[in-house]
């Protein structure tokens, strides 16, 4: 496993910022934040999880992902 995330975070610390990474995956991998195009749509923006390191190209280890259902908006 590469150490690109921690190396980039060390460089970005000088700019008071850090990479957004996954919270529940070990090792942590880069998560790409997205923004909504149409703000009238209630569905929130998606998060893209990288399967390869975006800096060096090394493939992240396979992770046994559990299928999850989206959280539904409950009105009322």
PDB file of N, CA and C in Angstrom:
ATOM      1  N   UNK A   1       0.847  -1.182   0.000  1.00  0.00           N
ATOM      2  CA  UNK A   1       0.000   0.000   0.000  1.00  0.00           C
ATOM      3  C   UNK A   1       0.887   1.238   0.000  1.00  0.00           C
ATOM      4  N   UNK A   2       0.570   2.169  -0.870  1.00  0.00           N
ATOM      5  CA  UNK A   2       1.363   3.398  -0.965  1.00  0.00           C
ATOM      6  C   UNK A   2       1.081   4.327   0.221  1.00  0.00           C
ATOM      7  N   UNK A   3       1.905   5.325   0.380  1.00  0.00           N
ATOM      8  CA  UNK A   3       1.721   6.297   1.463  1.00  0.00           C
ATOM      9  C   UNK A   3       1.391   7.678   0.903  1.00  0.00           C
ATOM     10  N   UNK A   4       0.839   7.711  -0.313  1.00  0.00           N
ATOM     11  CA  UNK A   4       0.550   8.983  -0.988  1.00  0.00           C
ATOM     12  C   UNK A   4      -0.419   9.861  -0.198  1.00  0.00           C
ATOM     13  N   UNK A   5      -1.424   9.266   0.432  1.00  0.00           N
ATOM     14  CA  UNK A   5      -2.416  10.064   1.161  1.00  0.00           C
ATOM     15  C   UNK A   5      -1.750  10.823   2.296  1.00  0.00           C
ATOM     16  N   UNK A   6      -0.945  10.152   3.095  1.00  0.00           N
ATOM     17  CA  UNK A   6      -0.288  10.840   4.206  1.00  0.00           C
ATOM     18  C   UNK A   6       0.743  11.845   3.697  1.00  0.00           C
ATOM     19  N   UNK A   7       1.438  11.525   2.600  1.00  0.00           N
ATOM     20  CA  UNK A   7       2.392  12.471   2.027  1.00  0.00           C
ATOM     21  C   UNK A   7       1.678  13.726   1.528  1.00  0.00           C
ATOM     22  N   UNK A   8       0.549  13.545   0.833  1.00  0.00           N
ATOM     23  CA  UNK A   8      -0.207  14.699   0.341  1.00  0.00           C
ATOM     24  C   UNK A   8      -0.781  15.515   1.494  1.00  0.00           C
ATOM     25  N   UNK A   9      -1.275  14.834   2.531  1.00  0.00           N
ATOM     26  CA  UNK A   9      -1.797  15.559   3.686  1.00  0.00           C
ATOM     27  C   UNK A   9      -0.712  16.396   4.355  1.00  0.00           C
ATOM     28  N   UNK A  10       0.526  15.892   4.390  1.00  0.00           N
ATOM     29  CA  UNK A  10       1.630  16.666   4.952  1.00  0.00           C
ATOM     30  C   UNK A  10       1.888  17.923   4.140  1.00  0.00           C
ATOM     31  N   UNK A  11       1.826  17.826   2.816  1.00  0.00           N
ATOM     32  CA  UNK A  11       2.021  18.999   1.956  1.00  0.00           C
ATOM     33  C   UNK A  11       0.838  19.961   2.099  1.00  0.00           C
ATOM     34  N   UNK A  12      -0.375  19.412   2.119  1.00  0.00           N
ATOM     35  CA  UNK A  12      -1.572  20.254   2.196  1.00  0.00           C
ATOM     36  C   UNK A  12      -1.729  20.939   3.546  1.00  0.00           C
ATOM     37  N   UNK A  13      -1.120  20.378   4.581  1.00  0.00           N
ATOM     38  CA  UNK A  13      -1.206  20.970   5.923  1.00  0.00           C
ATOM     39  C   UNK A  13      -0.709  22.419   5.913  1.00  0.00           C
ATOM     40  N   UNK A  14       0.281  22.711   5.061  1.00  0.00           N
ATOM     41  CA  UNK A  14       0.803  24.076   4.934  1.00  0.00           C
ATOM     42  C   UNK A  14      -0.265  25.038   4.428  1.00  0.00           C
ATOM     43  N   UNK A  15      -1.289  24.495   3.780  1.00  0.00           N
ATOM     44  CA  UNK A  15      -2.380  25.304   3.225  1.00  0.00           C
ATOM     45  C   UNK A  15      -3.654  25.167   4.067  1.00  0.00           C
ATOM     46  N   UNK A  16      -3.504  24.617   5.279  1.00  0.00           N
ATOM     47  CA  UNK A  16      -4.624  24.436   6.211  1.00  0.00           C
ATOM     48  C   UNK A  16      -5.743  23.602   5.586  1.00  0.00           C
ATOM     49  N   UNK A  17      -5.373  22.515   4.946  1.00  0.00           N
ATOM     50  CA  UNK A  17      -6.357  21.644   4.311  1.00  0.00           C
ATOM     51  C   UNK A  17      -5.850  20.204   4.315  1.00  0.00           C
ATOM     52  N   UNK A  18      -6.716  19.265   3.956  1.00  0.00           N
ATOM     53  CA  UNK A  18      -6.333  17.856   3.864  1.00  0.00           C
ATOM     54  C   UNK A  18      -7.244  17.167   2.855  1.00  0.00           C
ATOM     55  N   UNK A  19      -6.856  15.966   2.448  1.00  0.00           N
ATOM     56  CA  UNK A  19      -7.669  15.180   1.530  1.00  0.00           C
ATOM     57  C   UNK A  19      -8.889  14.624   2.254  1.00  0.00           C
ATOM     58  N   UNK A  20      -9.966  14.420   1.522  1.00  0.00           N
ATOM     59  CA  UNK A  20     -11.139  13.749   2.062  1.00  0.00           C
ATOM     60  C   UNK A  20     -10.938  12.264   1.800  1.00  0.00           C
ATOM     61  N   UNK A  21     -10.970  11.466   2.860  1.00  0.00           N
ATOM     62  CA  UNK A  21     -10.763  10.031   2.716  1.00  0.00           C
ATOM     63  C   UNK A  21     -11.932   9.287   3.334  1.00  0.00           C
ATOM     64  N   UNK A  22     -12.007   7.999   3.052  1.00  0.00           N
ATOM     65  CA  UNK A  22     -13.057   7.185   3.626  1.00  0.00           C
ATOM     66  C   UNK A  22     -12.853   7.075   5.124  1.00  0.00           C
ATOM     67  N   UNK A  23     -13.942   6.881   5.836  1.00  0.00           N
ATOM     68  CA  UNK A  23     -13.875   6.834   7.286  1.00  0.00           C
ATOM     69  C   UNK A  23     -13.818   5.408   7.804  1.00  0.00           C
ATOM     70  N   UNK A  24     -14.529   4.504   7.168  1.00  0.00           N
ATOM     71  CA  UNK A  24     -14.676   3.158   7.703  1.00  0.00           C
ATOM     72  C   UNK A  24     -13.896   2.095   6.940  1.00  0.00           C
ATOM     73  N   UNK A  25     -12.986   2.490   6.107  1.00  0.00           N
ATOM     74  CA  UNK A  25     -12.233   1.513   5.326  1.00  0.00           C
ATOM     75  C   UNK A  25     -10.777   1.557   5.767  1.00  0.00           C
ATOM     76  N   UNK A  26     -10.175   0.391   5.912  1.00  0.00           N
ATOM     77  CA  UNK A  26      -8.787   0.343   6.322  1.00  0.00           C
ATOM     78  C   UNK A  26      -8.023  -0.460   5.290  1.00  0.00           C
ATOM     79  N   UNK A  27      -7.051   0.041   4.588  1.00  0.00           N
ATOM     80  CA  UNK A  27      -6.534   1.394   4.742  1.00  0.00           C
ATOM     81  C   UNK A  27      -7.470   2.424   4.130  1.00  0.00           C
ATOM     82  N   UNK A  28      -7.313   3.657   4.588  1.00  0.00           N
ATOM     83  CA  UNK A  28      -8.156   4.720   4.057  1.00  0.00           C
ATOM     84  C   UNK A  28      -7.829   4.948   2.585  1.00  0.00           C
ATOM     85  N   UNK A  29      -8.832   5.285   1.815  1.00  0.00           N
ATOM     86  CA  UNK A  29      -8.660   5.588   0.397  1.00  0.00           C
ATOM     87  C   UNK A  29      -9.281   6.946   0.113  1.00  0.00           C
ATOM     88  N   UNK A  30      -8.914   7.535  -1.006  1.00  0.00           N
ATOM     89  CA  UNK A  30      -9.400   8.868  -1.357  1.00  0.00           C
ATOM     90  C   UNK A  30     -10.872   8.810  -1.753  1.00  0.00           C
ATOM     91  N   UNK A  31     -11.635   9.753  -1.223  1.00  0.00           N
ATOM     92  CA  UNK A  31     -13.039   9.915  -1.589  1.00  0.00           C
ATOM     93  C   UNK A  31     -13.165  11.263  -2.296  1.00  0.00           C
ATOM     94  N   UNK A  32     -13.806  11.260  -3.445  1.00  0.00           N
ATOM     95  CA  UNK A  32     -13.959  12.491  -4.223  1.00  0.00           C
ATOM     96  C   UNK A  32     -15.338  13.073  -3.931  1.00  0.00           C
ATOM     97  N   UNK A  33     -15.358  14.282  -3.440  1.00  0.00           N
ATOM     98  CA  UNK A  33     -16.621  14.950  -3.144  1.00  0.00           C
ATOM     99  C   UNK A  33     -17.227  15.480  -4.430  1.00  0.00           C
ATOM    100  N   UNK A  34     -18.536  15.403  -4.524  1.00  0.00           N
ATOM    101  CA  UNK A  34     -19.236  15.933  -5.690  1.00  0.00           C
ATOM    102  C   UNK A  34     -20.245  16.980  -5.233  1.00  0.00           C
ATOM    103  N   UNK A  35     -20.670  17.808  -6.141  1.00  0.00           N
ATOM    104  CA  UNK A  35     -21.690  18.823  -5.852  1.00  0.00           C
ATOM    105  C   UNK A  35     -22.934  18.540  -6.679  1.00  0.00           C
ATOM    106  N   UNK A  36     -24.078  18.917  -6.143  1.00  0.00           N
ATOM    107  CA  UNK A  36     -25.339  18.755  -6.865  1.00  0.00           C
ATOM    108  C   UNK A  36     -25.391  19.746  -8.017  1.00  0.00           C
ATOM    109  N   UNK A  37     -25.898  19.302  -9.153  1.00  0.00           N
ATOM    110  CA  UNK A  37     -26.070  20.186 -10.303  1.00  0.00           C
ATOM    111  C   UNK A  37     -27.398  20.926 -10.168  1.00  0.00           C
ATOM    112  N   UNK A  38     -28.456  20.181  -9.907  1.00  0.00           N
ATOM    113  CA  UNK A  38     -29.783  20.759  -9.755  1.00  0.00           C
ATOM    114  C   UNK A  38     -30.122  20.747  -8.270  1.00  0.00           C
ATOM    115  N   UNK A  39     -30.111  21.919  -7.638  1.00  0.00           N
ATOM    116  CA  UNK A  39     -30.335  21.989  -6.196  1.00  0.00           C
ATOM    117  C   UNK A  39     -31.782  21.715  -5.799  1.00  0.00           C
ATOM    118  N   UNK A  40     -32.692  21.684  -6.774  1.00  0.00           N
ATOM    119  CA  UNK A  40     -34.097  21.409  -6.461  1.00  0.00           C
ATOM    120  C   UNK A  40     -34.365  19.927  -6.238  1.00  0.00           C
ATOM    121  N   UNK A  41     -33.468  19.087  -6.715  1.00  0.00           N
ATOM    122  CA  UNK A  41     -33.613  17.645  -6.516  1.00  0.00           C
ATOM    123  C   UNK A  41     -33.232  17.333  -5.079  1.00  0.00           C
ATOM    124  N   UNK A  42     -34.072  16.584  -4.390  1.00  0.00           N
ATOM    125  CA  UNK A  42     -33.857  16.318  -2.970  1.00  0.00           C
ATOM    126  C   UNK A  42     -32.696  15.373  -2.704  1.00  0.00           C
ATOM    127  N   UNK A  43     -32.409  14.524  -3.652  1.00  0.00           N
ATOM    128  CA  UNK A  43     -31.332  13.555  -3.478  1.00  0.00           C
ATOM    129  C   UNK A  43     -30.001  14.279  -3.307  1.00  0.00           C
ATOM    130  N   UNK A  44     -29.212  13.835  -2.340  1.00  0.00           N
ATOM    131  CA  UNK A  44     -27.931  14.478  -2.064  1.00  0.00           C
ATOM    132  C   UNK A  44     -26.861  14.101  -3.073  1.00  0.00           C
ATOM    133  N   UNK A  45     -25.730  14.811  -3.038  1.00  0.00           N
ATOM    134  CA  UNK A  45     -24.643  14.507  -3.964  1.00  0.00           C
ATOM    135  C   UNK A  45     -23.996  13.163  -3.630  1.00  0.00           C
ATOM    136  N   UNK A  46     -23.447  12.506  -4.630  1.00  0.00           N
ATOM    137  CA  UNK A  46     -22.787  11.213  -4.449  1.00  0.00           C
ATOM    138  C   UNK A  46     -21.343  11.423  -4.013  1.00  0.00           C
ATOM    139  N   UNK A  47     -20.753  10.401  -3.452  1.00  0.00           N
ATOM    140  CA  UNK A  47     -19.329  10.388  -3.147  1.00  0.00           C
ATOM    141  C   UNK A  47     -18.693   9.280  -3.972  1.00  0.00           C
ATOM    142  N   UNK A  48     -17.603   9.600  -4.638  1.00  0.00           N
ATOM    143  CA  UNK A  48     -16.908   8.635  -5.472  1.00  0.00           C
ATOM    144  C   UNK A  48     -15.695   8.126  -4.692  1.00  0.00           C
ATOM    145  N   UNK A  49     -15.587   6.805  -4.543  1.00  0.00           N
ATOM    146  CA  UNK A  49     -14.469   6.199  -3.830  1.00  0.00           C
ATOM    147  C   UNK A  49     -13.493   5.648  -4.861  1.00  0.00           C
ATOM    148  N   UNK A  50     -12.243   6.085  -4.775  1.00  0.00           N
ATOM    149  CA  UNK A  50     -11.229   5.656  -5.738  1.00  0.00           C
ATOM    150  C   UNK A  50     -10.836   4.202  -5.513  1.00  0.00           C
ATOM    151  N   UNK A  51     -10.607   3.455  -6.590  1.00  0.00           N
ATOM    152  CA  UNK A  51     -10.122   2.080  -6.469  1.00  0.00           C
ATOM    153  C   UNK A  51      -8.623   2.009  -6.761  1.00  0.00           C
ATOM    154  N   UNK A  52      -8.055   3.096  -7.280  1.00  0.00           N
ATOM    155  CA  UNK A  52      -6.627   3.228  -7.505  1.00  0.00           C
ATOM    156  C   UNK A  52      -6.172   4.533  -6.874  1.00  0.00           C
ATOM    157  N   UNK A  53      -4.945   4.590  -6.410  1.00  0.00           N
ATOM    158  CA  UNK A  53      -4.403   5.835  -5.867  1.00  0.00           C
ATOM    159  C   UNK A  53      -4.352   6.863  -6.991  1.00  0.00           C
ATOM    160  N   UNK A  54      -4.947   8.038  -6.813  1.00  0.00           N
ATOM    161  CA  UNK A  54      -4.941   9.041  -7.883  1.00  0.00           C
ATOM    162  C   UNK A  54      -3.579   9.699  -8.077  1.00  0.00           C
ATOM    163  N   UNK A  55      -2.629   9.438  -7.181  1.00  0.00           N
ATOM    164  CA  UNK A  55      -1.322  10.076  -7.264  1.00  0.00           C
ATOM    165  C   UNK A  55      -0.264   9.171  -7.902  1.00  0.00           C
ATOM    166  N   UNK A  56      -0.228   7.895  -7.512  1.00  0.00           N
ATOM    167  CA  UNK A  56       0.797   7.001  -8.061  1.00  0.00           C
ATOM    168  C   UNK A  56       0.210   5.897  -8.936  1.00  0.00           C
ATOM    169  N   UNK A  57      -1.108   5.683  -8.897  1.00  0.00           N
ATOM    170  CA  UNK A  57      -1.755   4.688  -9.741  1.00  0.00           C
ATOM    171  C   UNK A  57      -1.804   3.286  -9.158  1.00  0.00           C
ATOM    172  N   UNK A  58      -1.292   3.105  -7.933  1.00  0.00           N
ATOM    173  CA  UNK A  58      -1.321   1.775  -7.311  1.00  0.00           C
ATOM    174  C   UNK A  58      -2.760   1.382  -6.982  1.00  0.00           C
ATOM    175  N   UNK A  59      -3.108   0.123  -7.291  1.00  0.00           N
ATOM    176  CA  UNK A  59      -4.464  -0.363  -6.998  1.00  0.00           C
ATOM    177  C   UNK A  59      -4.619  -0.546  -5.495  1.00  0.00           C
ATOM    178  N   UNK A  60      -5.719  -0.023  -4.964  1.00  0.00           N
ATOM    179  CA  UNK A  60      -6.008  -0.224  -3.556  1.00  0.00           C
ATOM    180  C   UNK A  60      -6.393  -1.681  -3.332  1.00  0.00           C
ATOM    181  N   UNK A  61      -6.145  -2.228  -2.137  1.00  0.00           N
ATOM    182  CA  UNK A  61      -6.530  -3.620  -1.859  1.00  0.00           C
ATOM    183  C   UNK A  61      -8.038  -3.800  -1.999  1.00  0.00           C
ATOM    184  N   UNK A  62      -8.431  -5.009  -2.409  1.00  0.00           N
ATOM    185  CA  UNK A  62      -9.853  -5.322  -2.526  1.00  0.00           C
ATOM    186  C   UNK A  62     -10.502  -5.200  -1.158  1.00  0.00           C
ATOM    187  N   UNK A  63     -11.729  -4.751  -1.160  1.00  0.00           N
ATOM    188  CA  UNK A  63     -12.462  -4.570   0.087  1.00  0.00           C
ATOM    189  C   UNK A  63     -13.813  -5.248  -0.064  1.00  0.00           C
ATOM    190  N   UNK A  64     -14.165  -6.076   0.871  1.00  0.00           N
ATOM    191  CA  UNK A  64     -15.460  -6.758   0.825  1.00  0.00           C
ATOM    192  C   UNK A  64     -16.537  -5.755   1.209  1.00  0.00           C
ATOM    193  N   UNK A  65     -17.084  -5.089   0.216  1.00  0.00           N
ATOM    194  CA  UNK A  65     -18.098  -4.069   0.465  1.00  0.00           C
ATOM    195  C   UNK A  65     -19.452  -4.715   0.683  1.00  0.00           C
ATOM    196  N   UNK A  66     -20.188  -4.187   1.621  1.00  0.00           N
ATOM    197  CA  UNK A  66     -21.548  -4.655   1.861  1.00  0.00           C
ATOM    198  C   UNK A  66     -22.491  -3.809   1.022  1.00  0.00           C
ATOM    199  N   UNK A  67     -23.478  -4.438   0.458  1.00  0.00           N
ATOM    200  CA  UNK A  67     -24.482  -3.696  -0.297  1.00  0.00           C
ATOM    201  C   UNK A  67     -25.313  -2.879   0.689  1.00  0.00           C
ATOM    202  N   UNK A  68     -25.471  -1.611   0.399  1.00  0.00           N
ATOM    203  CA  UNK A  68     -26.245  -0.746   1.271  1.00  0.00           C
ATOM    204  C   UNK A  68     -27.332  -0.062   0.483  1.00  0.00           C
ATOM    205  N   UNK A  69     -28.397   0.238   1.145  1.00  0.00           N
ATOM    206  CA  UNK A  69     -29.505   0.960   0.518  1.00  0.00           C
ATOM    207  C   UNK A  69     -29.385   2.427   0.908  1.00  0.00           C
ATOM    208  N   UNK A  70     -29.784   3.319   0.029  1.00  0.00           N
ATOM    209  CA  UNK A  70     -29.728   4.741   0.378  1.00  0.00           C
ATOM    210  C   UNK A  70     -30.706   5.058   1.491  1.00  0.00           C
ATOM    211  N   UNK A  71     -30.387   6.084   2.235  1.00  0.00           N
ATOM    212  CA  UNK A  71     -31.282   6.552   3.295  1.00  0.00           C
ATOM    213  C   UNK A  71     -32.447   7.265   2.629  1.00  0.00           C
ATOM    214  N   UNK A  72     -33.654   6.875   2.952  1.00  0.00           N
ATOM    215  CA  UNK A  72     -34.804   7.509   2.326  1.00  0.00           C
ATOM    216  C   UNK A  72     -35.226   8.724   3.114  1.00  0.00           C
ATOM    217  N   UNK A  73     -35.762   9.703   2.391  1.00  0.00           N
ATOM    218  CA  UNK A  73     -36.289  10.903   3.029  1.00  0.00           C
ATOM    219  C   UNK A  73     -37.682  10.585   3.539  1.00  0.00           C
ATOM    220  N   UNK A  74     -37.875  10.738   4.817  1.00  0.00           N
ATOM    221  CA  UNK A  74     -39.192  10.475   5.407  1.00  0.00           C
ATOM    222  C   UNK A  74     -39.831  11.818   5.742  1.00  0.00           C
ATOM    223  N   UNK A  75     -40.957  12.049   5.137  1.00  0.00           N
ATOM    224  CA  UNK A  75     -41.675  13.300   5.381  1.00  0.00           C
ATOM    225  C   UNK A  75     -42.780  13.045   6.393  1.00  0.00           C
ATOM    226  N   UNK A  76     -43.061  14.091   7.155  1.00  0.00           N
ATOM    227  CA  UNK A  76     -44.215  13.984   8.024  1.00  0.00           C
ATOM    228  C   UNK A  76     -43.854  13.971   9.402  1.00  0.00           C
TER     229      UNK A  76
END
